Amino acid sequence: MSTKPDRFAVVIDDESIILAGMEIMLDTWGYQVLAAEDVETVLAKLPGCPAPDVILSDYRLRDGWSGITAIRAVREACGAAVPAIILTGDTGAELMAAAKADQIRILHKPVQPNDLRRQIDALISTP
């Protein structure tokens, strides 16, 4: 008997292969997933969805967006401080400072699925 996923994740990555992989992985972990290659698509699809349990975003996105601005936009649209993780190869101090200010966790690529799952579980189980 299949149950409806009780957790909802938003994933933003402008590389479709990574996006598809993340979507499949989260789905197998029991998440309903809203995955898109750009922020506009996510924001267009969000109305009517529950507030996400977690947002996963790449750092460098299309159209001048960064993972930080993308997460801010999704949080604003949901009216909630949704836990968020940026997956990136970037190690800049600017990114670290911005992420800390916005309470966004940074994971450096390549991220192992087990590590990602642990990070997500830790993030969403913290009140």
C-alpha atoms as a PDB file:
ATOM      1  CA  MET A   1       0.000   0.000   0.000  1.00  0.00           C
ATOM      2  CA  SER A   2       1.495   3.324  -0.969  1.00  0.00           C
ATOM      3  CA  THR A   3       1.124   6.294   1.296  1.00  0.00           C
ATOM      4  CA  LYS A   4       1.162   9.918   0.290  1.00  0.00           C
ATOM      5  CA  PRO A   5       4.541  11.461   1.062  1.00  0.00           C
ATOM      6  CA  ASP A   6       4.314  13.464   4.263  1.00  0.00           C
ATOM      7  CA  ARG A   7       7.355  15.560   3.496  1.00  0.00           C
ATOM      8  CA  PHE A   8       7.773  18.129   0.759  1.00  0.00           C
ATOM      9  CA  ALA A   9      11.059  19.295  -0.755  1.00  0.00           C
ATOM     10  CA  VAL A  10      11.846  22.049  -3.238  1.00  0.00           C
ATOM     11  CA  VAL A  11      14.918  21.457  -5.421  1.00  0.00           C
ATOM     12  CA  ILE A  12      16.486  24.087  -7.695  1.00  0.00           C
ATOM     13  CA  ASP A  13      19.392  23.237  -9.990  1.00  0.00           C
ATOM     14  CA  ASP A  14      20.008  24.504 -13.504  1.00  0.00           C
ATOM     15  CA  GLU A  15      21.608  21.216 -14.567  1.00  0.00           C
ATOM     16  CA  SER A  16      18.733  18.959 -15.567  1.00  0.00           C
ATOM     17  CA  ILE A  17      20.647  15.719 -14.964  1.00  0.00           C
ATOM     18  CA  ILE A  18      21.451  16.715 -11.364  1.00  0.00           C
ATOM     19  CA  LEU A  19      17.890  17.927 -10.880  1.00  0.00           C
ATOM     20  CA  ALA A  20      16.463  14.614 -12.104  1.00  0.00           C
ATOM     21  CA  GLY A  21      18.817  12.649  -9.865  1.00  0.00           C
ATOM     22  CA  MET A  22      17.885  14.696  -6.803  1.00  0.00           C
ATOM     23  CA  GLU A  23      14.190  14.319  -7.580  1.00  0.00           C
ATOM     24  CA  ILE A  24      14.456  10.515  -7.830  1.00  0.00           C
ATOM     25  CA  MET A  25      16.583  10.287  -4.677  1.00  0.00           C
ATOM     26  CA  LEU A  26      14.208  12.427  -2.597  1.00  0.00           C
ATOM     27  CA  ASP A  27      11.232  10.527  -3.969  1.00  0.00           C
ATOM     28  CA  THR A  28      12.750   7.237  -2.770  1.00  0.00           C
ATOM     29  CA  TRP A  29      13.209   8.857   0.665  1.00  0.00           C
ATOM     30  CA  GLY A  30       9.464   9.580   0.798  1.00  0.00           C
ATOM     31  CA  TYR A  31       9.350  13.205  -0.286  1.00  0.00           C
ATOM     32  CA  GLN A  32       6.928  14.921  -2.583  1.00  0.00           C
ATOM     33  CA  VAL A  33       9.300  16.962  -4.758  1.00  0.00           C
ATOM     34  CA  LEU A  34       8.924  20.235  -6.623  1.00  0.00           C
ATOM     35  CA  ALA A  35      12.026  20.355  -8.817  1.00  0.00           C
ATOM     36  CA  ALA A  36      12.865  23.104 -11.300  1.00  0.00           C
ATOM     37  CA  GLU A  37      15.809  24.507 -13.216  1.00  0.00           C
ATOM     38  CA  ASP A  38      14.982  28.091 -12.260  1.00  0.00           C
ATOM     39  CA  VAL A  39      13.435  30.073  -9.437  1.00  0.00           C
ATOM     40  CA  GLU A  40      10.580  31.508 -11.521  1.00  0.00           C
ATOM     41  CA  THR A  41       9.258  28.001 -12.232  1.00  0.00           C
ATOM     42  CA  VAL A  42       9.327  27.101  -8.539  1.00  0.00           C
ATOM     43  CA  LEU A  43       7.553  30.316  -7.553  1.00  0.00           C
ATOM     44  CA  ALA A  44       4.906  29.732 -10.235  1.00  0.00           C
ATOM     45  CA  LYS A  45       4.223  26.192  -8.996  1.00  0.00           C
ATOM     46  CA  LEU A  46       4.329  26.883  -5.244  1.00  0.00           C
ATOM     47  CA  PRO A  47       0.843  28.352  -4.717  1.00  0.00           C
ATOM     48  CA  GLY A  48      -1.426  25.575  -3.501  1.00  0.00           C
ATOM     49  CA  CYS A  49       1.512  23.467  -2.320  1.00  0.00           C
ATOM     50  CA  PRO A  50       2.215  22.925   1.356  1.00  0.00           C
ATOM     51  CA  ALA A  51       5.149  24.868   2.817  1.00  0.00           C
ATOM     52  CA  PRO A  52       8.251  22.823   2.008  1.00  0.00           C
ATOM     53  CA  ASP A  53      10.054  20.911   4.742  1.00  0.00           C
ATOM     54  CA  VAL A  54      13.361  21.657   3.056  1.00  0.00           C
ATOM     55  CA  ILE A  55      14.795  23.608   0.117  1.00  0.00           C
ATOM     56  CA  LEU A  56      17.826  22.239  -1.740  1.00  0.00           C
ATOM     57  CA  SER A  57      19.517  24.547  -4.205  1.00  0.00           C
ATOM     58  CA  ASP A  58      22.623  24.779  -6.300  1.00  0.00           C
ATOM     59  CA  TYR A  59      24.574  27.983  -5.601  1.00  0.00           C
ATOM     60  CA  ARG A  60      25.051  29.255  -9.148  1.00  0.00           C
ATOM     61  CA  LEU A  61      21.712  29.478 -10.928  1.00  0.00           C
ATOM     62  CA  ARG A  62      20.449  31.039 -14.163  1.00  0.00           C
ATOM     63  CA  ASP A  63      19.418  34.644 -14.731  1.00  0.00           C
ATOM     64  CA  GLY A  64      21.632  36.117 -12.021  1.00  0.00           C
ATOM     65  CA  TRP A  65      20.049  34.104  -9.208  1.00  0.00           C
ATOM     66  CA  SER A  66      22.152  32.489  -6.516  1.00  0.00           C
ATOM     67  CA  GLY A  67      21.126  29.737  -4.142  1.00  0.00           C
ATOM     68  CA  ILE A  68      20.881  32.397  -1.416  1.00  0.00           C
ATOM     69  CA  THR A  69      18.471  34.651  -3.350  1.00  0.00           C
ATOM     70  CA  ALA A  70      16.509  31.613  -4.563  1.00  0.00           C
ATOM     71  CA  ILE A  71      16.013  30.338  -1.012  1.00  0.00           C
ATOM     72  CA  ARG A  72      15.015  33.814   0.204  1.00  0.00           C
ATOM     73  CA  ALA A  73      12.418  34.036  -2.582  1.00  0.00           C
ATOM     74  CA  VAL A  74      10.929  30.608  -1.797  1.00  0.00           C
ATOM     75  CA  ARG A  75      10.855  31.335   1.954  1.00  0.00           C
ATOM     76  CA  GLU A  76       9.136  34.654   1.260  1.00  0.00           C
ATOM     77  CA  ALA A  77       6.584  33.010  -1.042  1.00  0.00           C
ATOM     78  CA  CYS A  78       5.804  30.426   1.658  1.00  0.00           C
ATOM     79  CA  GLY A  79       5.875  32.921   4.506  1.00  0.00           C
ATOM     80  CA  ALA A  80       8.043  30.487   6.445  1.00  0.00           C
ATOM     81  CA  ALA A  81      11.697  30.129   7.449  1.00  0.00           C
ATOM     82  CA  VAL A  82      12.063  26.838   5.584  1.00  0.00           C
ATOM     83  CA  PRO A  83      15.268  24.881   6.370  1.00  0.00           C
ATOM     84  CA  ALA A  84      17.604  25.050   3.401  1.00  0.00           C
ATOM     85  CA  ILE A  85      20.783  23.548   2.019  1.00  0.00           C
ATOM     86  CA  ILE A  86      22.971  24.858  -0.789  1.00  0.00           C
ATOM     87  CA  LEU A  87      24.973  22.252  -2.687  1.00  0.00           C
ATOM     88  CA  THR A  88      28.017  23.859  -4.244  1.00  0.00           C
ATOM     89  CA  GLY A  89      31.606  23.546  -5.315  1.00  0.00           C
ATOM     90  CA  ASP A  90      32.081  27.161  -4.255  1.00  0.00           C
ATOM     91  CA  THR A  91      34.059  27.835  -1.072  1.00  0.00           C
ATOM     92  CA  GLY A  92      34.046  31.639  -1.074  1.00  0.00           C
ATOM     93  CA  ALA A  93      33.936  33.566   2.205  1.00  0.00           C
ATOM     94  CA  GLU A  94      31.135  35.715   0.791  1.00  0.00           C
ATOM     95  CA  LEU A  95      28.935  32.652   0.281  1.00  0.00           C
ATOM     96  CA  MET A  96      29.714  31.368   3.785  1.00  0.00           C
ATOM     97  CA  ALA A  97      28.835  34.723   5.374  1.00  0.00           C
ATOM     98  CA  ALA A  98      25.600  35.091   3.406  1.00  0.00           C
ATOM     99  CA  ALA A  99      24.584  31.510   4.165  1.00  0.00           C
ATOM    100  CA  LYS A 100      25.257  31.983   7.860  1.00  0.00           C
ATOM    101  CA  ALA A 101      23.243  35.221   7.943  1.00  0.00           C
ATOM    102  CA  ASP A 102      20.290  33.451   6.321  1.00  0.00           C
ATOM    103  CA  GLN A 103      20.696  30.221   8.316  1.00  0.00           C
ATOM    104  CA  ILE A 104      21.387  28.160   5.221  1.00  0.00           C
ATOM    105  CA  ARG A 105      23.558  25.069   5.450  1.00  0.00           C
ATOM    106  CA  ILE A 106      26.313  24.640   2.847  1.00  0.00           C
ATOM    107  CA  LEU A 107      27.325  21.216   1.538  1.00  0.00           C
ATOM    108  CA  HIS A 108      30.251  20.953  -0.845  1.00  0.00           C
ATOM    109  CA  LYS A 109      29.929  18.853  -3.974  1.00  0.00           C
ATOM    110  CA  PRO A 110      30.224  16.004  -4.523  1.00  0.00           C
ATOM    111  CA  VAL A 111      27.788  15.131  -1.732  1.00  0.00           C
ATOM    112  CA  GLN A 112      27.190  11.485  -0.892  1.00  0.00           C
ATOM    113  CA  PRO A 113      23.476  10.573  -0.739  1.00  0.00           C
ATOM    114  CA  ASN A 114      23.792   9.251   2.833  1.00  0.00           C
ATOM    115  CA  ASP A 115      25.437  12.479   3.969  1.00  0.00           C
ATOM    116  CA  LEU A 116      22.760  14.558   2.286  1.00  0.00           C
ATOM    117  CA  ARG A 117      20.006  12.509   3.866  1.00  0.00           C
ATOM    118  CA  ARG A 118      21.590  12.875   7.324  1.00  0.00           C
ATOM    119  CA  GLN A 119      21.914  16.642   6.851  1.00  0.00           C
ATOM    120  CA  ILE A 120      18.284  16.974   5.726  1.00  0.00           C
ATOM    121  CA  ASP A 121      17.014  14.814   8.597  1.00  0.00           C
ATOM    122  CA  ALA A 122      19.058  16.816  11.121  1.00  0.00           C
ATOM    123  CA  LEU A 123      17.806  20.077   9.657  1.00  0.00           C
ATOM    124  CA  ILE A 124      14.106  19.234   9.619  1.00  0.00           C
ATOM    125  CA  SER A 125      14.045  17.472  12.981  1.00  0.00           C
ATOM    126  CA  THR A 126      15.411  20.601  14.701  1.00  0.00           C
ATOM    127  CA  PRO A 127      12.478  22.669  15.973  1.00  0.00           C
END
